Amino acid sequence: MSVIRTRASQGRSPLRIVVIGAIGGAIAGMMMAAVEMIYGWLSNAHSAWDAPMGVWAWVGGLDDFGTPGDHVGPIVLGLAGHMANSMMIGVVFAALMFYVIGARDVVTPVIIGVVYGLAVWVAMRYAVLPLRTPEDTLFTKDLISPQWVWWVAHAALGMTAGVYYDLVSRKVGRAQARFAIRKARTA
């Protein structure tokens, strides 16, 4: 607990972590969506819009999944829901990294990010998606994309969050160092 208080006193306020995490989560969510949508675009059996449409169909029901031209609303709502989830996942990742782990090298945040992204998929696949049946079959029975694509997409989500954390933590660290030097000179 003292580590969390120490890091919070080093300019890592909860509001700053929420903003950093939300931005990082949005960027990571776009990377994940890109993996899913590129697979759909390259596949003969799927469309690029299957994944975002499936996100909303999980909420609204299987009637919201079908031909993309007939389901523009579910696609837009699915993208919005995916981005909101990604931002929340990013905030949790940023809090974990800034307050608990605090890695300062390049590789550690990326590896932790990939593991975090895969853990998110495990939680989604086995805890969250089964809460809605039969809508969970969109994700668990390869109706949107094969399971390996979901694993790769979530690894991309975590990797992107880790890279973003590394870039931001270096920027925050340099800003704090400049502030400390200025403060020491004026004292």
N, C-alpha and C. Protein backbone atom coordinates (compact mmCIF):
# COMPACT_ATOMS: atom_id res chain seq x y z
N MET A 1 0.83 -1.19 0.00
CA MET A 1 0.00 0.00 0.00
C MET A 1 0.87 1.25 0.00
N SER A 2 2.02 1.19 0.67
CA SER A 2 2.89 2.37 0.71
C SER A 2 3.47 2.66 -0.67
N VAL A 3 3.67 1.62 -1.50
CA VAL A 3 4.15 1.84 -2.87
C VAL A 3 3.13 2.65 -3.65
N ILE A 4 1.86 2.32 -3.46
CA ILE A 4 0.80 3.05 -4.17
C ILE A 4 0.78 4.50 -3.73
N ARG A 5 0.88 4.76 -2.42
CA ARG A 5 0.88 6.14 -1.94
C ARG A 5 2.10 6.90 -2.44
N THR A 6 3.26 6.24 -2.46
CA THR A 6 4.49 6.88 -2.93
C THR A 6 4.36 7.25 -4.40
N ARG A 7 3.89 6.33 -5.22
CA ARG A 7 3.76 6.62 -6.64
C ARG A 7 2.68 7.67 -6.89
N ALA A 8 1.62 7.66 -6.10
CA ALA A 8 0.58 8.68 -6.26
C ALA A 8 1.13 10.06 -5.92
N SER A 9 2.03 10.12 -4.96
CA SER A 9 2.59 11.42 -4.60
C SER A 9 3.63 11.91 -5.60
N GLN A 10 4.04 11.06 -6.54
CA GLN A 10 5.02 11.45 -7.55
C GLN A 10 4.36 12.03 -8.79
N GLY A 11 3.19 12.62 -8.66
CA GLY A 11 2.53 13.24 -9.79
C GLY A 11 1.65 12.30 -10.58
N ARG A 12 1.38 11.14 -10.05
CA ARG A 12 0.53 10.19 -10.75
C ARG A 12 -0.84 10.17 -10.08
N SER A 13 -1.55 11.24 -10.24
CA SER A 13 -2.86 11.36 -9.60
C SER A 13 -3.84 10.40 -10.26
N PRO A 14 -4.88 10.03 -9.52
CA PRO A 14 -5.88 9.14 -10.11
C PRO A 14 -6.50 9.70 -11.39
N LEU A 15 -6.78 11.00 -11.42
CA LEU A 15 -7.35 11.59 -12.64
C LEU A 15 -6.39 11.46 -13.82
N ARG A 16 -5.11 11.70 -13.56
CA ARG A 16 -4.11 11.56 -14.64
C ARG A 16 -4.06 10.13 -15.13
N ILE A 17 -4.13 9.17 -14.22
CA ILE A 17 -4.09 7.76 -14.61
C ILE A 17 -5.33 7.40 -15.41
N VAL A 18 -6.49 7.91 -15.03
CA VAL A 18 -7.72 7.64 -15.77
C VAL A 18 -7.61 8.19 -17.19
N VAL A 19 -7.12 9.41 -17.33
CA VAL A 19 -6.98 10.01 -18.67
C VAL A 19 -5.96 9.23 -19.50
N ILE A 20 -4.80 8.96 -18.93
CA ILE A 20 -3.76 8.20 -19.64
C ILE A 20 -4.29 6.82 -20.02
N GLY A 21 -4.95 6.15 -19.08
CA GLY A 21 -5.48 4.82 -19.36
C GLY A 21 -6.58 4.82 -20.40
N ALA A 22 -7.45 5.82 -20.35
CA ALA A 22 -8.54 5.89 -21.33
C ALA A 22 -8.00 6.12 -22.74
N ILE A 23 -7.03 7.00 -22.86
CA ILE A 23 -6.43 7.25 -24.17
C ILE A 23 -5.69 6.01 -24.66
N GLY A 24 -4.89 5.42 -23.79
CA GLY A 24 -4.17 4.20 -24.15
C GLY A 24 -5.12 3.06 -24.48
N GLY A 25 -6.20 2.93 -23.73
CA GLY A 25 -7.19 1.89 -24.00
C GLY A 25 -7.88 2.10 -25.33
N ALA A 26 -8.17 3.37 -25.66
CA ALA A 26 -8.79 3.66 -26.96
C ALA A 26 -7.86 3.28 -28.10
N ILE A 27 -6.60 3.63 -27.97
CA ILE A 27 -5.62 3.28 -29.01
C ILE A 27 -5.47 1.76 -29.11
N ALA A 28 -5.37 1.10 -27.97
CA ALA A 28 -5.24 -0.36 -27.96
C ALA A 28 -6.50 -1.02 -28.52
N GLY A 29 -7.66 -0.46 -28.21
CA GLY A 29 -8.92 -0.99 -28.74
C GLY A 29 -9.00 -0.86 -30.25
N MET A 30 -8.45 0.24 -30.78
CA MET A 30 -8.42 0.39 -32.24
C MET A 30 -7.52 -0.66 -32.87
N MET A 31 -6.41 -0.97 -32.21
CA MET A 31 -5.51 -1.99 -32.74
C MET A 31 -6.19 -3.35 -32.73
N MET A 32 -6.89 -3.65 -31.63
CA MET A 32 -7.61 -4.92 -31.56
C MET A 32 -8.69 -5.00 -32.63
N ALA A 33 -9.45 -3.93 -32.79
CA ALA A 33 -10.50 -3.91 -33.81
C ALA A 33 -9.90 -4.06 -35.20
N ALA A 34 -8.73 -3.46 -35.41
CA ALA A 34 -8.07 -3.57 -36.72
C ALA A 34 -7.75 -5.04 -37.03
N VAL A 35 -7.25 -5.76 -36.04
CA VAL A 35 -6.93 -7.19 -36.25
C VAL A 35 -8.19 -7.95 -36.64
N GLU A 36 -9.26 -7.76 -35.88
CA GLU A 36 -10.51 -8.46 -36.16
C GLU A 36 -11.09 -8.06 -37.51
N MET A 37 -11.07 -6.77 -37.81
CA MET A 37 -11.69 -6.30 -39.04
C MET A 37 -10.85 -6.67 -40.27
N ILE A 38 -9.55 -6.68 -40.14
CA ILE A 38 -8.70 -7.11 -41.26
C ILE A 38 -8.93 -8.59 -41.55
N TYR A 39 -9.05 -9.40 -40.49
CA TYR A 39 -9.36 -10.80 -40.71
C TYR A 39 -10.69 -10.93 -41.46
N GLY A 40 -11.71 -10.22 -41.01
CA GLY A 40 -13.02 -10.29 -41.67
C GLY A 40 -12.96 -9.85 -43.12
N TRP A 41 -12.17 -8.83 -43.38
CA TRP A 41 -12.02 -8.30 -44.74
C TRP A 41 -11.32 -9.32 -45.65
N LEU A 42 -10.30 -10.01 -45.10
CA LEU A 42 -9.56 -10.99 -45.90
C LEU A 42 -10.29 -12.33 -46.04
N SER A 43 -11.23 -12.60 -45.16
CA SER A 43 -11.93 -13.88 -45.14
C SER A 43 -13.05 -13.90 -46.18
N ASN A 44 -13.22 -15.06 -46.80
CA ASN A 44 -14.34 -15.23 -47.74
C ASN A 44 -15.65 -15.48 -47.01
N ALA A 45 -15.57 -15.95 -45.78
CA ALA A 45 -16.76 -16.33 -45.02
C ALA A 45 -17.28 -15.23 -44.10
N HIS A 46 -16.50 -14.17 -43.90
CA HIS A 46 -16.88 -13.13 -42.94
C HIS A 46 -16.77 -11.76 -43.59
N SER A 47 -17.27 -10.74 -42.88
CA SER A 47 -17.08 -9.36 -43.36
C SER A 47 -16.27 -8.60 -42.32
N ALA A 48 -15.74 -7.47 -42.72
CA ALA A 48 -14.97 -6.63 -41.80
C ALA A 48 -15.84 -6.12 -40.66
N TRP A 49 -17.14 -6.10 -40.86
CA TRP A 49 -18.04 -5.53 -39.86
C TRP A 49 -18.61 -6.57 -38.89
N ASP A 50 -18.24 -7.84 -39.05
CA ASP A 50 -18.79 -8.87 -38.18
C ASP A 50 -18.46 -8.66 -36.71
N ALA A 51 -17.21 -8.30 -36.39
CA ALA A 51 -16.82 -8.15 -34.98
C ALA A 51 -17.57 -7.01 -34.30
N PRO A 52 -17.58 -5.78 -34.87
CA PRO A 52 -18.35 -4.74 -34.17
C PRO A 52 -19.85 -5.03 -34.12
N MET A 53 -20.38 -5.64 -35.17
CA MET A 53 -21.80 -5.99 -35.18
C MET A 53 -22.07 -7.05 -34.10
N GLY A 54 -21.12 -7.98 -33.93
CA GLY A 54 -21.27 -9.02 -32.92
C GLY A 54 -21.25 -8.48 -31.50
N VAL A 55 -20.46 -7.42 -31.28
CA VAL A 55 -20.42 -6.81 -29.94
C VAL A 55 -21.81 -6.33 -29.55
N TRP A 56 -22.47 -5.63 -30.47
CA TRP A 56 -23.81 -5.14 -30.15
C TRP A 56 -24.83 -6.28 -30.13
N ALA A 57 -24.67 -7.26 -31.01
CA ALA A 57 -25.60 -8.39 -31.02
C ALA A 57 -25.56 -9.15 -29.70
N TRP A 58 -24.40 -9.15 -29.03
CA TRP A 58 -24.31 -9.79 -27.72
C TRP A 58 -25.22 -9.07 -26.74
N VAL A 59 -25.34 -7.76 -26.88
CA VAL A 59 -26.20 -6.97 -26.00
C VAL A 59 -27.65 -7.01 -26.45
N GLY A 60 -27.87 -6.75 -27.75
CA GLY A 60 -29.23 -6.59 -28.26
C GLY A 60 -29.92 -7.85 -28.73
N GLY A 61 -29.17 -8.92 -28.95
CA GLY A 61 -29.77 -10.17 -29.43
C GLY A 61 -29.30 -10.53 -30.82
N LEU A 62 -29.51 -11.77 -31.18
CA LEU A 62 -29.03 -12.29 -32.46
C LEU A 62 -29.69 -11.62 -33.66
N ASP A 63 -30.84 -10.99 -33.47
CA ASP A 63 -31.48 -10.27 -34.58
C ASP A 63 -30.64 -9.09 -35.06
N ASP A 64 -29.70 -8.64 -34.24
CA ASP A 64 -28.84 -7.51 -34.61
C ASP A 64 -27.57 -7.97 -35.32
N PHE A 65 -27.50 -9.22 -35.72
CA PHE A 65 -26.33 -9.74 -36.44
C PHE A 65 -26.80 -10.28 -37.78
N GLY A 66 -26.15 -9.86 -38.84
CA GLY A 66 -26.52 -10.34 -40.17
C GLY A 66 -25.78 -9.57 -41.25
N THR A 67 -26.43 -9.34 -42.36
CA THR A 67 -25.83 -8.60 -43.47
C THR A 67 -25.50 -7.19 -43.01
N PRO A 68 -24.23 -6.76 -43.17
CA PRO A 68 -23.82 -5.44 -42.67
C PRO A 68 -24.67 -4.28 -43.17
N GLY A 69 -25.10 -4.31 -44.42
CA GLY A 69 -25.92 -3.22 -44.96
C GLY A 69 -27.25 -3.07 -44.26
N ASP A 70 -27.75 -4.16 -43.68
CA ASP A 70 -29.04 -4.13 -42.97
C ASP A 70 -28.88 -3.85 -41.48
N HIS A 71 -27.63 -3.71 -41.02
CA HIS A 71 -27.38 -3.59 -39.58
C HIS A 71 -26.37 -2.47 -39.28
N VAL A 72 -26.58 -1.31 -39.86
CA VAL A 72 -25.65 -0.19 -39.64
C VAL A 72 -25.70 0.26 -38.18
N GLY A 73 -26.89 0.33 -37.61
CA GLY A 73 -27.03 0.73 -36.20
C GLY A 73 -26.24 -0.18 -35.26
N PRO A 74 -26.42 -1.50 -35.35
CA PRO A 74 -25.64 -2.39 -34.49
C PRO A 74 -24.13 -2.27 -34.70
N ILE A 75 -23.69 -1.98 -35.92
CA ILE A 75 -22.26 -1.81 -36.17
C ILE A 75 -21.74 -0.59 -35.42
N VAL A 76 -22.45 0.53 -35.53
CA VAL A 76 -22.03 1.77 -34.86
C VAL A 76 -22.07 1.58 -33.34
N LEU A 77 -23.14 0.99 -32.84
CA LEU A 77 -23.25 0.76 -31.40
C LEU A 77 -22.21 -0.24 -30.92
N GLY A 78 -21.91 -1.23 -31.73
CA GLY A 78 -20.88 -2.20 -31.37
C GLY A 78 -19.50 -1.56 -31.30
N LEU A 79 -19.19 -0.69 -32.26
CA LEU A 79 -17.91 0.04 -32.20
C LEU A 79 -17.84 0.91 -30.96
N ALA A 80 -18.94 1.59 -30.64
CA ALA A 80 -18.96 2.44 -29.44
C ALA A 80 -18.80 1.61 -28.17
N GLY A 81 -19.49 0.48 -28.11
CA GLY A 81 -19.36 -0.40 -26.94
C GLY A 81 -17.96 -0.97 -26.81
N HIS A 82 -17.38 -1.37 -27.94
CA HIS A 82 -16.01 -1.90 -27.91
C HIS A 82 -15.03 -0.83 -27.42
N MET A 83 -15.17 0.39 -27.92
CA MET A 83 -14.25 1.46 -27.52
C MET A 83 -14.43 1.80 -26.04
N ALA A 84 -15.66 1.81 -25.55
CA ALA A 84 -15.90 2.08 -24.12
C ALA A 84 -15.25 0.99 -23.27
N ASN A 85 -15.44 -0.28 -23.66
CA ASN A 85 -14.80 -1.38 -22.93
C ASN A 85 -13.28 -1.25 -22.97
N SER A 86 -12.75 -0.92 -24.14
CA SER A 86 -11.29 -0.80 -24.28
C SER A 86 -10.75 0.32 -23.40
N MET A 87 -11.47 1.41 -23.29
CA MET A 87 -11.02 2.52 -22.45
C MET A 87 -11.01 2.10 -20.98
N MET A 88 -12.03 1.36 -20.54
CA MET A 88 -12.05 0.89 -19.15
C MET A 88 -10.91 -0.11 -18.90
N ILE A 89 -10.67 -0.99 -19.86
CA ILE A 89 -9.57 -1.95 -19.74
C ILE A 89 -8.24 -1.20 -19.70
N GLY A 90 -8.13 -0.12 -20.47
CA GLY A 90 -6.91 0.69 -20.47
C GLY A 90 -6.68 1.39 -19.14
N VAL A 91 -7.74 1.86 -18.51
CA VAL A 91 -7.60 2.52 -17.20
C VAL A 91 -7.10 1.52 -16.17
N VAL A 92 -7.64 0.31 -16.17
CA VAL A 92 -7.18 -0.71 -15.23
C VAL A 92 -5.71 -1.04 -15.49
N PHE A 93 -5.33 -1.17 -16.76
CA PHE A 93 -3.94 -1.47 -17.10
C PHE A 93 -3.01 -0.34 -16.65
N ALA A 94 -3.40 0.90 -16.90
CA ALA A 94 -2.56 2.04 -16.50
C ALA A 94 -2.40 2.09 -14.99
N ALA A 95 -3.48 1.87 -14.25
CA ALA A 95 -3.39 1.88 -12.79
C ALA A 95 -2.47 0.76 -12.31
N LEU A 96 -2.63 -0.42 -12.90
CA LEU A 96 -1.77 -1.55 -12.54
C LEU A 96 -0.30 -1.21 -12.80
N MET A 97 -0.01 -0.65 -13.94
CA MET A 97 1.38 -0.36 -14.31
C MET A 97 1.96 0.79 -13.49
N PHE A 98 1.22 1.89 -13.34
CA PHE A 98 1.75 3.05 -12.63
C PHE A 98 1.83 2.82 -11.12
N TYR A 99 0.79 2.21 -10.53
CA TYR A 99 0.74 2.11 -9.08
C TYR A 99 1.36 0.83 -8.52
N VAL A 100 1.29 -0.26 -9.25
CA VAL A 100 1.73 -1.54 -8.70
C VAL A 100 3.07 -1.98 -9.30
N ILE A 101 3.16 -2.01 -10.62
CA ILE A 101 4.36 -2.58 -11.25
C ILE A 101 5.44 -1.54 -11.46
N GLY A 102 5.11 -0.43 -12.10
CA GLY A 102 6.06 0.66 -12.27
C GLY A 102 7.30 0.33 -13.08
N ALA A 103 7.18 -0.50 -14.11
CA ALA A 103 8.33 -0.89 -14.92
C ALA A 103 8.92 0.32 -15.67
N ARG A 104 10.23 0.35 -15.75
CA ARG A 104 10.92 1.45 -16.43
C ARG A 104 11.68 1.03 -17.68
N ASP A 105 11.71 -0.25 -17.99
CA ASP A 105 12.38 -0.67 -19.22
C ASP A 105 11.35 -0.78 -20.35
N VAL A 106 11.80 -1.11 -21.53
CA VAL A 106 10.92 -1.14 -22.69
C VAL A 106 10.16 -2.47 -22.79
N VAL A 107 10.80 -3.56 -22.48
CA VAL A 107 10.25 -4.88 -22.73
C VAL A 107 9.17 -5.26 -21.71
N THR A 108 9.39 -4.97 -20.45
CA THR A 108 8.46 -5.41 -19.40
C THR A 108 7.03 -4.94 -19.63
N PRO A 109 6.78 -3.65 -19.91
CA PRO A 109 5.38 -3.25 -20.12
C PRO A 109 4.73 -3.95 -21.31
N VAL A 110 5.51 -4.22 -22.34
CA VAL A 110 4.95 -4.88 -23.51
C VAL A 110 4.58 -6.33 -23.18
N ILE A 111 5.47 -7.03 -22.49
CA ILE A 111 5.19 -8.42 -22.11
C ILE A 111 4.01 -8.47 -21.14
N ILE A 112 4.01 -7.60 -20.15
CA ILE A 112 2.89 -7.56 -19.20
C ILE A 112 1.61 -7.19 -19.94
N GLY A 113 1.70 -6.28 -20.90
CA GLY A 113 0.54 -5.91 -21.70
C GLY A 113 -0.04 -7.08 -22.47
N VAL A 114 0.83 -7.86 -23.11
CA VAL A 114 0.36 -9.03 -23.86
C VAL A 114 -0.32 -10.03 -22.92
N VAL A 115 0.30 -10.30 -21.78
CA VAL A 115 -0.30 -11.22 -20.81
C VAL A 115 -1.63 -10.65 -20.32
N TYR A 116 -1.68 -9.36 -20.06
CA TYR A 116 -2.92 -8.70 -19.62
C TYR A 116 -4.00 -8.84 -20.70
N GLY A 117 -3.65 -8.58 -21.95
CA GLY A 117 -4.62 -8.71 -23.04
C GLY A 117 -5.16 -10.12 -23.16
N LEU A 118 -4.28 -11.11 -23.03
CA LEU A 118 -4.73 -12.50 -23.10
C LEU A 118 -5.60 -12.86 -21.90
N ALA A 119 -5.26 -12.31 -20.72
CA ALA A 119 -6.08 -12.55 -19.54
C ALA A 119 -7.47 -11.91 -19.70
N VAL A 120 -7.52 -10.77 -20.35
CA VAL A 120 -8.81 -10.13 -20.63
C VAL A 120 -9.65 -11.05 -21.52
N TRP A 121 -9.03 -11.66 -22.55
CA TRP A 121 -9.78 -12.57 -23.42
C TRP A 121 -10.28 -13.79 -22.64
N VAL A 122 -9.45 -14.34 -21.76
CA VAL A 122 -9.88 -15.49 -20.96
C VAL A 122 -11.08 -15.10 -20.09
N ALA A 123 -11.01 -13.92 -19.47
CA ALA A 123 -12.13 -13.46 -18.63
C ALA A 123 -13.39 -13.24 -19.48
N MET A 124 -13.22 -12.64 -20.64
CA MET A 124 -14.37 -12.42 -21.53
C MET A 124 -14.94 -13.75 -22.00
N ARG A 125 -14.07 -14.61 -22.46
CA ARG A 125 -14.50 -15.88 -23.09
C ARG A 125 -15.19 -16.80 -22.10
N TYR A 126 -14.66 -16.88 -20.88
CA TYR A 126 -15.17 -17.88 -19.95
C TYR A 126 -16.05 -17.31 -18.83
N ALA A 127 -16.05 -16.00 -18.62
CA ALA A 127 -16.86 -15.42 -17.54
C ALA A 127 -17.94 -14.47 -18.05
N VAL A 128 -17.60 -13.60 -18.99
CA VAL A 128 -18.55 -12.57 -19.42
C VAL A 128 -19.46 -13.05 -20.55
N LEU A 129 -18.89 -13.56 -21.62
CA LEU A 129 -19.69 -13.97 -22.78
C LEU A 129 -20.76 -15.02 -22.44
N PRO A 130 -20.47 -16.01 -21.60
CA PRO A 130 -21.50 -17.01 -21.28
C PRO A 130 -22.70 -16.44 -20.51
N LEU A 131 -22.62 -15.20 -20.05
CA LEU A 131 -23.75 -14.61 -19.34
C LEU A 131 -24.96 -14.42 -20.26
N ARG A 132 -24.72 -14.36 -21.57
CA ARG A 132 -25.82 -14.18 -22.54
C ARG A 132 -25.79 -15.35 -23.53
N THR A 133 -26.73 -16.24 -23.38
CA THR A 133 -26.86 -17.31 -24.36
C THR A 133 -28.17 -17.10 -25.11
N PRO A 134 -28.26 -17.32 -26.36
CA PRO A 134 -27.32 -17.95 -27.28
C PRO A 134 -26.36 -16.96 -27.95
N GLU A 135 -26.37 -15.68 -27.52
CA GLU A 135 -25.52 -14.69 -28.17
C GLU A 135 -24.04 -15.00 -28.03
N ASP A 136 -23.65 -15.71 -26.97
CA ASP A 136 -22.24 -16.03 -26.78
C ASP A 136 -21.69 -16.90 -27.91
N THR A 137 -22.57 -17.62 -28.62
CA THR A 137 -22.10 -18.48 -29.71
C THR A 137 -21.46 -17.67 -30.84
N LEU A 138 -21.80 -16.39 -30.96
CA LEU A 138 -21.15 -15.55 -31.97
C LEU A 138 -19.64 -15.55 -31.77
N PHE A 139 -19.20 -15.58 -30.53
CA PHE A 139 -17.78 -15.49 -30.21
C PHE A 139 -17.15 -16.85 -29.93
N THR A 140 -17.93 -17.78 -29.39
CA THR A 140 -17.37 -19.06 -28.97
C THR A 140 -17.46 -20.15 -30.04
N LYS A 141 -18.25 -19.96 -31.07
CA LYS A 141 -18.43 -20.97 -32.12
C LYS A 141 -17.90 -20.49 -33.47
N ASP A 142 -17.00 -19.54 -33.48
CA ASP A 142 -16.34 -19.07 -34.70
C ASP A 142 -17.30 -18.44 -35.71
N LEU A 143 -18.42 -17.92 -35.28
CA LEU A 143 -19.34 -17.28 -36.22
C LEU A 143 -18.82 -15.92 -36.68
N ILE A 144 -18.02 -15.25 -35.86
CA ILE A 144 -17.42 -13.97 -36.23
C ILE A 144 -16.02 -14.20 -36.77
N SER A 145 -15.23 -14.91 -36.04
CA SER A 145 -13.87 -15.26 -36.46
C SER A 145 -13.39 -16.43 -35.62
N PRO A 146 -12.39 -17.17 -36.12
CA PRO A 146 -11.87 -18.31 -35.35
C PRO A 146 -11.25 -17.85 -34.03
N GLN A 147 -11.16 -18.78 -33.10
CA GLN A 147 -10.62 -18.45 -31.79
C GLN A 147 -9.22 -17.88 -31.86
N TRP A 148 -8.37 -18.35 -32.75
CA TRP A 148 -7.00 -17.85 -32.82
C TRP A 148 -6.98 -16.35 -33.14
N VAL A 149 -7.95 -15.87 -33.90
CA VAL A 149 -7.99 -14.44 -34.22
C VAL A 149 -8.31 -13.64 -32.96
N TRP A 150 -9.21 -14.16 -32.11
CA TRP A 150 -9.51 -13.47 -30.86
C TRP A 150 -8.29 -13.41 -29.96
N TRP A 151 -7.52 -14.51 -29.92
CA TRP A 151 -6.29 -14.53 -29.11
C TRP A 151 -5.29 -13.50 -29.65
N VAL A 152 -5.10 -13.48 -30.96
CA VAL A 152 -4.15 -12.52 -31.56
C VAL A 152 -4.64 -11.09 -31.34
N ALA A 153 -5.93 -10.85 -31.50
CA ALA A 153 -6.47 -9.50 -31.32
C ALA A 153 -6.28 -9.01 -29.89
N HIS A 154 -6.50 -9.88 -28.92
CA HIS A 154 -6.32 -9.47 -27.52
C HIS A 154 -4.84 -9.31 -27.17
N ALA A 155 -3.98 -10.12 -27.79
CA ALA A 155 -2.54 -9.91 -27.60
C ALA A 155 -2.14 -8.55 -28.18
N ALA A 156 -2.71 -8.18 -29.32
CA ALA A 156 -2.43 -6.86 -29.92
C ALA A 156 -2.95 -5.74 -29.03
N LEU A 157 -4.11 -5.95 -28.42
CA LEU A 157 -4.65 -4.97 -27.46
C LEU A 157 -3.66 -4.74 -26.33
N GLY A 158 -3.18 -5.82 -25.72
CA GLY A 158 -2.25 -5.71 -24.60
C GLY A 158 -0.90 -5.15 -25.02
N MET A 159 -0.40 -5.59 -26.17
CA MET A 159 0.89 -5.10 -26.64
C MET A 159 0.83 -3.59 -26.87
N THR A 160 -0.24 -3.13 -27.49
CA THR A 160 -0.39 -1.70 -27.75
C THR A 160 -0.51 -0.92 -26.44
N ALA A 161 -1.24 -1.45 -25.48
CA ALA A 161 -1.34 -0.79 -24.17
C ALA A 161 0.03 -0.72 -23.51
N GLY A 162 0.83 -1.78 -23.63
CA GLY A 162 2.17 -1.78 -23.05
C GLY A 162 3.10 -0.78 -23.71
N VAL A 163 3.05 -0.70 -25.03
CA VAL A 163 3.88 0.28 -25.75
C VAL A 163 3.45 1.70 -25.37
N TYR A 164 2.15 1.93 -25.32
CA TYR A 164 1.65 3.27 -24.94
C TYR A 164 2.09 3.62 -23.52
N TYR A 165 1.97 2.67 -22.58
CA TYR A 165 2.41 2.91 -21.22
C TYR A 165 3.89 3.29 -21.20
N ASP A 166 4.71 2.55 -21.94
CA ASP A 166 6.14 2.82 -21.97
C ASP A 166 6.41 4.25 -22.47
N LEU A 167 5.76 4.63 -23.54
CA LEU A 167 5.96 5.98 -24.09
C LEU A 167 5.51 7.06 -23.11
N VAL A 168 4.35 6.87 -22.51
CA VAL A 168 3.82 7.87 -21.58
C VAL A 168 4.65 7.92 -20.31
N SER A 169 5.06 6.78 -19.78
CA SER A 169 5.82 6.78 -18.53
C SER A 169 7.18 7.46 -18.73
N ARG A 170 7.77 7.30 -19.89
CA ARG A 170 9.02 8.00 -20.17
C ARG A 170 8.78 9.51 -20.23
N LYS A 171 7.70 9.93 -20.86
CA LYS A 171 7.37 11.35 -20.96
C LYS A 171 7.06 11.93 -19.58
N VAL A 172 6.28 11.21 -18.78
CA VAL A 172 5.95 11.66 -17.43
C VAL A 172 7.22 11.72 -16.59
N GLY A 173 8.07 10.71 -16.72
CA GLY A 173 9.33 10.68 -15.96
C GLY A 173 10.23 11.86 -16.30
N ARG A 174 10.36 12.21 -17.60
CA ARG A 174 11.17 13.36 -18.00
C ARG A 174 10.59 14.66 -17.47
N ALA A 175 9.27 14.77 -17.51
CA ALA A 175 8.63 15.99 -17.00
C ALA A 175 8.86 16.13 -15.50
N GLN A 176 8.77 15.04 -14.75
CA GLN A 176 9.00 15.10 -13.31
C GLN A 176 10.46 15.43 -13.01
N ALA A 177 11.38 14.91 -13.80
CA ALA A 177 12.80 15.20 -13.60
C ALA A 177 13.07 16.69 -13.84
N ARG A 178 12.49 17.25 -14.91
CA ARG A 178 12.68 18.69 -15.18
C ARG A 178 12.12 19.53 -14.04
N PHE A 179 10.94 19.13 -13.52
CA PHE A 179 10.34 19.86 -12.42
C PHE A 179 11.22 19.81 -11.18
N ALA A 180 11.78 18.63 -10.89
CA ALA A 180 12.64 18.47 -9.70
C ALA A 180 13.92 19.29 -9.85
N ILE A 181 14.48 19.36 -11.05
CA ILE A 181 15.71 20.16 -11.27
C ILE A 181 15.40 21.63 -11.07
N ARG A 182 14.29 22.11 -11.65
CA ARG A 182 13.90 23.52 -11.48
C ARG A 182 13.67 23.85 -10.02
N LYS A 183 13.00 22.93 -9.31
CA LYS A 183 12.69 23.15 -7.90
C LYS A 183 13.99 23.22 -7.09
N ALA A 184 14.96 22.36 -7.40
CA ALA A 184 16.25 22.35 -6.67
C ALA A 184 17.03 23.63 -6.94
N ARG A 185 16.97 24.16 -8.16
CA ARG A 185 17.71 25.38 -8.49
C ARG A 185 17.15 26.60 -7.76
N THR A 186 15.84 26.63 -7.60
CA THR A 186 15.24 27.79 -6.93
C THR A 186 15.35 27.73 -5.42
N ALA A 187 15.66 26.59 -4.88
CA ALA A 187 15.74 26.44 -3.42
C ALA A 187 17.04 26.95 -2.85
